[in-house]
Amino acid sequence: MLVHEFRPGRLVLGVAALALAALFAGDAAGAWPVAWYVVFPVLGGAFGLAAVASWVAYLLRRRSARRASSESTGAPASSSGSQAMR
C-alpha cells in the first residue's frame, strides 16, 4: 500500500533539477561548456510539463473517485441499528 499519493508534477520538476545539476557539473568538470541562461528555458519547460502532468493526474483521480462513489450502493454503516443498543 502506498504511503502517499503519486505526484507526477513533482517528479517532472525533480528530473529537470537533476538534469540541470548534471549539466552544470559537467561544465564545472570541463567536459562541455554550458551557458548560464540555459537554466531559464529548461526550468520554464519543466514547470509547463509539471503543470500538465499534475492537471492530468487530478482529472484521473477525480474521475476514479466519481466512479467509486457511484458504485457504492450499499446501506451506510449508521443505518444498521447496532450502534444504539443499550
Protein backbone atom coordinates (compact mmCIF):
# COMPACT_ATOMS: atom_id res chain seq x y z
CA MET A 1 0.00 0.00 0.00
CA LEU A 2 1.27 3.46 -0.86
CA VAL A 3 2.02 5.84 1.98
CA HIS A 4 1.12 8.90 -0.09
CA GLU A 5 -0.37 9.62 -3.48
CA PHE A 6 1.74 9.83 -6.60
CA ARG A 7 2.51 13.40 -7.72
CA PRO A 8 3.82 13.42 -11.29
CA GLY A 9 4.42 17.17 -11.35
CA ARG A 10 6.98 16.91 -8.60
CA LEU A 11 8.64 14.03 -10.42
CA VAL A 12 8.99 16.12 -13.59
CA LEU A 13 10.48 19.06 -11.67
CA GLY A 14 12.86 16.76 -9.81
CA VAL A 15 14.12 15.17 -13.02
CA ALA A 16 14.62 18.63 -14.56
CA ALA A 17 16.57 19.79 -11.50
CA LEU A 18 18.77 16.70 -11.65
CA ALA A 19 19.36 17.26 -15.37
CA LEU A 20 20.41 20.86 -14.70
CA ALA A 21 22.70 19.71 -11.91
CA ALA A 22 24.31 17.18 -14.25
CA LEU A 23 24.72 19.84 -16.96
CA PHE A 24 26.45 22.28 -14.66
CA ALA A 25 28.53 19.56 -13.02
CA GLY A 26 29.82 18.65 -16.49
CA ASP A 27 30.52 22.32 -17.11
CA ALA A 28 32.42 22.61 -13.83
CA ALA A 29 34.45 19.49 -14.66
CA GLY A 30 35.34 20.90 -18.07
CA ALA A 31 33.56 18.20 -20.06
CA TRP A 32 31.39 20.65 -22.02
CA PRO A 33 30.52 24.34 -21.89
CA VAL A 34 27.06 25.37 -20.67
CA ALA A 35 25.77 28.94 -20.74
CA TRP A 36 24.28 30.27 -17.52
CA TYR A 37 20.98 31.20 -19.17
CA VAL A 38 20.19 27.57 -20.05
CA VAL A 39 18.50 27.37 -16.66
CA PHE A 40 15.56 29.53 -17.74
CA PRO A 41 14.22 27.56 -20.73
CA VAL A 42 14.82 24.21 -19.02
CA LEU A 43 13.00 25.24 -15.85
CA GLY A 44 10.28 27.00 -17.82
CA GLY A 45 9.63 23.88 -19.86
CA ALA A 46 9.75 21.74 -16.73
CA PHE A 47 7.19 23.94 -14.98
CA GLY A 48 4.91 23.70 -18.02
CA LEU A 49 5.24 19.92 -18.22
CA ALA A 50 4.73 19.62 -14.47
CA ALA A 51 1.54 21.68 -14.70
CA VAL A 52 0.17 19.48 -17.49
CA ALA A 53 1.13 16.28 -15.66
CA SER A 54 -0.47 17.49 -12.42
CA TRP A 55 -3.63 18.52 -14.25
CA VAL A 56 -3.97 15.14 -15.97
CA ALA A 57 -3.36 13.31 -12.68
CA TYR A 58 -6.01 15.47 -10.99
CA LEU A 59 -8.53 14.67 -13.73
CA LEU A 60 -7.82 10.94 -13.45
CA ARG A 61 -8.14 10.97 -9.65
CA ARG A 62 -11.40 12.91 -9.85
CA ARG A 63 -12.82 10.55 -12.47
CA SER A 64 -11.89 7.46 -10.48
CA ALA A 65 -13.34 8.96 -7.27
CA ARG A 66 -16.58 9.78 -9.08
CA ARG A 67 -16.78 6.24 -10.44
CA ALA A 68 -16.12 4.75 -6.99
CA SER A 69 -18.81 6.89 -5.35
CA SER A 70 -21.42 5.92 -7.94
CA GLU A 71 -20.67 2.22 -7.47
CA SER A 72 -21.31 2.21 -3.71
CA THR A 73 -24.99 1.23 -3.47
CA GLY A 74 -24.92 -0.46 -0.07
CA ALA A 75 -26.53 0.95 3.02
CA PRO A 76 -24.43 3.31 5.13
CA ALA A 77 -22.93 1.93 8.34
CA SER A 78 -25.07 4.18 10.57
CA SER A 79 -28.33 2.62 9.35
CA SER A 80 -27.51 -0.85 10.63
CA GLY A 81 -29.04 -0.15 14.05
CA SER A 82 -26.36 -1.89 16.08
CA GLN A 83 -24.76 1.31 17.41
CA ALA A 84 -27.65 2.30 19.67
CA MET A 85 -28.01 -0.92 21.65
CA ARG A 86 -28.27 -0.46 25.43
